Amino acid sequence: MKIAVSSTGKNLNSQVNEIFGRCPYFLIVEIDDKKIKGFQTVENISRNQAGSVGISVAQMIVEKGANVVITGNVGPRALDVLKQFKVDIFNGRGSVEENLKKFIEGKLKKL
């Protein structure tokens, strides 16, 4: 399973970013057998676009193969794209690593 986490930084100690489309980075995390197997940091190059940011970012997440997104908030157009591709969205706050552990334990709230 691949999880895309909107992040303020480039590693698991970074904070979950509040805004899906405008976050500086996404951590694409590989989860296998309820363990973090590794991650890739992806810079959000769409974040400074004037419009349709959420749609562009959602498409990028789908292209990266993520099944799940953990973020603070998702706009309506990004939400539509993610739901269309059956990507589950969960509300996260705090560090990326804490949120991944909560997800694995089934303790994150689904949006």
C-alpha atoms as a PDB file:
ATOM      1  CA  MET A   1       0.000   0.000   0.000  1.00  0.00           C
ATOM      2  CA  LYS A   2       1.171   3.507  -0.796  1.00  0.00           C
ATOM      3  CA  ILE A   3       0.180   6.478   1.335  1.00  0.00           C
ATOM      4  CA  ALA A   4       0.682  10.093   0.245  1.00  0.00           C
ATOM      5  CA  VAL A   5       1.116  12.476   3.175  1.00  0.00           C
ATOM      6  CA  SER A   6       1.041  16.256   2.681  1.00  0.00           C
ATOM      7  CA  SER A   7       4.137  17.448   4.495  1.00  0.00           C
ATOM      8  CA  THR A   8       5.929  20.594   5.604  1.00  0.00           C
ATOM      9  CA  GLY A   9       9.306  18.899   5.110  1.00  0.00           C
ATOM     10  CA  LYS A  10      11.221  16.064   3.503  1.00  0.00           C
ATOM     11  CA  ASN A  11      11.233  13.382   6.211  1.00  0.00           C
ATOM     12  CA  LEU A  12       8.994  11.407   8.577  1.00  0.00           C
ATOM     13  CA  ASN A  13       9.650  13.863  11.438  1.00  0.00           C
ATOM     14  CA  SER A  14       8.045  16.674   9.418  1.00  0.00           C
ATOM     15  CA  GLN A  15       4.551  17.913  10.211  1.00  0.00           C
ATOM     16  CA  VAL A  16       1.467  16.997   8.214  1.00  0.00           C
ATOM     17  CA  ASN A  17       0.613  20.074   6.176  1.00  0.00           C
ATOM     18  CA  GLU A  18      -2.835  21.565   6.686  1.00  0.00           C
ATOM     19  CA  ILE A  19      -3.555  22.230   3.012  1.00  0.00           C
ATOM     20  CA  PHE A  20      -3.385  19.393   0.481  1.00  0.00           C
ATOM     21  CA  GLY A  21      -2.895  21.407  -2.716  1.00  0.00           C
ATOM     22  CA  ARG A  22      -0.475  24.005  -1.376  1.00  0.00           C
ATOM     23  CA  CYS A  23       1.841  21.818   0.724  1.00  0.00           C
ATOM     24  CA  PRO A  24       5.555  22.021  -0.130  1.00  0.00           C
ATOM     25  CA  TYR A  25       6.123  18.237  -0.186  1.00  0.00           C
ATOM     26  CA  PHE A  26       4.421  14.878  -0.275  1.00  0.00           C
ATOM     27  CA  LEU A  27       5.924  11.839   1.325  1.00  0.00           C
ATOM     28  CA  ILE A  28       4.907   8.741  -0.623  1.00  0.00           C
ATOM     29  CA  VAL A  29       5.190   6.027   2.007  1.00  0.00           C
ATOM     30  CA  GLU A  30       5.215   2.294   1.341  1.00  0.00           C
ATOM     31  CA  ILE A  31       3.413   0.254   4.011  1.00  0.00           C
ATOM     32  CA  ASP A  32       3.715  -3.527   4.049  1.00  0.00           C
ATOM     33  CA  ASP A  33       2.659  -5.931   6.789  1.00  0.00           C
ATOM     34  CA  LYS A  34       1.683  -2.959   9.004  1.00  0.00           C
ATOM     35  CA  LYS A  35       5.213  -1.532   8.839  1.00  0.00           C
ATOM     36  CA  ILE A  36       6.785   1.465   7.117  1.00  0.00           C
ATOM     37  CA  LYS A  37       9.045  -0.047   4.454  1.00  0.00           C
ATOM     38  CA  GLY A  38      10.333   3.202   2.961  1.00  0.00           C
ATOM     39  CA  PHE A  39       9.327   6.525   1.489  1.00  0.00           C
ATOM     40  CA  GLN A  40       9.974   8.909  -1.364  1.00  0.00           C
ATOM     41  CA  THR A  41       9.888  12.703  -1.016  1.00  0.00           C
ATOM     42  CA  VAL A  42       8.138  14.494  -3.875  1.00  0.00           C
ATOM     43  CA  GLU A  43       8.241  18.270  -4.195  1.00  0.00           C
ATOM     44  CA  ASN A  44       4.826  19.766  -4.923  1.00  0.00           C
ATOM     45  CA  ILE A  45       5.710  21.757  -8.037  1.00  0.00           C
ATOM     46  CA  SER A  46       2.020  22.665  -8.604  1.00  0.00           C
ATOM     47  CA  ARG A  47       1.586  24.525  -5.308  1.00  0.00           C
ATOM     48  CA  ASN A  48       2.259  27.983  -6.758  1.00  0.00           C
ATOM     49  CA  GLN A  49      -0.118  27.661  -9.726  1.00  0.00           C
ATOM     50  CA  ALA A  50      -2.783  30.351  -9.933  1.00  0.00           C
ATOM     51  CA  GLY A  51      -5.670  27.901 -10.322  1.00  0.00           C
ATOM     52  CA  SER A  52      -6.655  24.213 -10.477  1.00  0.00           C
ATOM     53  CA  VAL A  53      -3.916  23.345  -7.981  1.00  0.00           C
ATOM     54  CA  GLY A  54      -5.957  20.691  -6.208  1.00  0.00           C
ATOM     55  CA  ILE A  55      -6.772  18.895  -9.433  1.00  0.00           C
ATOM     56  CA  SER A  56      -3.121  18.874 -10.578  1.00  0.00           C
ATOM     57  CA  VAL A  57      -1.894  17.632  -7.219  1.00  0.00           C
ATOM     58  CA  ALA A  58      -4.582  14.938  -6.984  1.00  0.00           C
ATOM     59  CA  GLN A  59      -3.617  13.684 -10.451  1.00  0.00           C
ATOM     60  CA  MET A  60       0.045  13.550  -9.412  1.00  0.00           C
ATOM     61  CA  ILE A  61      -0.865  11.528  -6.299  1.00  0.00           C
ATOM     62  CA  VAL A  62      -2.837   9.063  -8.422  1.00  0.00           C
ATOM     63  CA  GLU A  63       0.094   8.769 -10.877  1.00  0.00           C
ATOM     64  CA  LYS A  64       2.409   7.947  -7.953  1.00  0.00           C
ATOM     65  CA  GLY A  65       0.126   4.995  -7.137  1.00  0.00           C
ATOM     66  CA  ALA A  66      -1.117   6.162  -3.731  1.00  0.00           C
ATOM     67  CA  ASN A  67      -4.170   4.357  -2.320  1.00  0.00           C
ATOM     68  CA  VAL A  68      -4.492   6.707   0.660  1.00  0.00           C
ATOM     69  CA  VAL A  69      -3.928  10.408   1.386  1.00  0.00           C
ATOM     70  CA  ILE A  70      -3.266  11.838   4.855  1.00  0.00           C
ATOM     71  CA  THR A  71      -3.659  15.623   5.029  1.00  0.00           C
ATOM     72  CA  GLY A  72      -5.296  18.465   6.922  1.00  0.00           C
ATOM     73  CA  ASN A  73      -7.846  19.693   4.371  1.00  0.00           C
ATOM     74  CA  VAL A  74      -8.740  18.823   0.787  1.00  0.00           C
ATOM     75  CA  GLY A  75     -10.619  21.170  -1.522  1.00  0.00           C
ATOM     76  CA  PRO A  76     -13.752  19.991  -3.332  1.00  0.00           C
ATOM     77  CA  ARG A  77     -12.207  19.548  -6.790  1.00  0.00           C
ATOM     78  CA  ALA A  78      -9.215  17.595  -5.485  1.00  0.00           C
ATOM     79  CA  LEU A  79     -11.617  15.521  -3.388  1.00  0.00           C
ATOM     80  CA  ASP A  80     -13.631  14.662  -6.511  1.00  0.00           C
ATOM     81  CA  VAL A  81     -10.516  13.511  -8.392  1.00  0.00           C
ATOM     82  CA  LEU A  82      -9.253  11.400  -5.486  1.00  0.00           C
ATOM     83  CA  LYS A  83     -12.666   9.776  -4.962  1.00  0.00           C
ATOM     84  CA  GLN A  84     -12.945   9.076  -8.688  1.00  0.00           C
ATOM     85  CA  PHE A  85      -9.753   7.009  -8.416  1.00  0.00           C
ATOM     86  CA  LYS A  86     -10.869   5.394  -5.138  1.00  0.00           C
ATOM     87  CA  VAL A  87      -8.162   7.043  -3.031  1.00  0.00           C
ATOM     88  CA  ASP A  88      -9.164   7.117   0.651  1.00  0.00           C
ATOM     89  CA  ILE A  89      -8.558  10.415   2.475  1.00  0.00           C
ATOM     90  CA  PHE A  90      -7.764  10.713   6.167  1.00  0.00           C
ATOM     91  CA  ASN A  91      -7.455  13.775   8.385  1.00  0.00           C
ATOM     92  CA  GLY A  92      -3.994  14.182   9.919  1.00  0.00           C
ATOM     93  CA  ARG A  93      -2.329  16.544  12.378  1.00  0.00           C
ATOM     94  CA  GLY A  94       1.106  16.363  13.986  1.00  0.00           C
ATOM     95  CA  SER A  95       4.138  14.526  12.655  1.00  0.00           C
ATOM     96  CA  VAL A  96       4.011  12.391   9.545  1.00  0.00           C
ATOM     97  CA  GLU A  97       5.362   9.391  11.442  1.00  0.00           C
ATOM     98  CA  GLU A  98       2.736   9.692  14.235  1.00  0.00           C
ATOM     99  CA  ASN A  99      -0.035   9.836  11.641  1.00  0.00           C
ATOM    100  CA  LEU A 100       1.281   6.800   9.801  1.00  0.00           C
ATOM    101  CA  LYS A 101       1.305   4.835  13.056  1.00  0.00           C
ATOM    102  CA  LYS A 102      -2.259   5.958  13.794  1.00  0.00           C
ATOM    103  CA  PHE A 103      -3.315   4.926  10.285  1.00  0.00           C
ATOM    104  CA  ILE A 104      -1.766   1.473  10.705  1.00  0.00           C
ATOM    105  CA  GLU A 105      -3.605   1.127  14.049  1.00  0.00           C
ATOM    106  CA  GLY A 106      -6.892   2.231  12.464  1.00  0.00           C
ATOM    107  CA  LYS A 107      -7.069   5.392  14.589  1.00  0.00           C
ATOM    108  CA  LEU A 108      -7.231   8.115  11.915  1.00  0.00           C
ATOM    109  CA  LYS A 109     -10.517   9.772  10.958  1.00  0.00           C
ATOM    110  CA  LYS A 110     -11.592   9.294   7.351  1.00  0.00           C
ATOM    111  CA  LEU A 111     -12.770  12.425   5.491  1.00  0.00           C
END
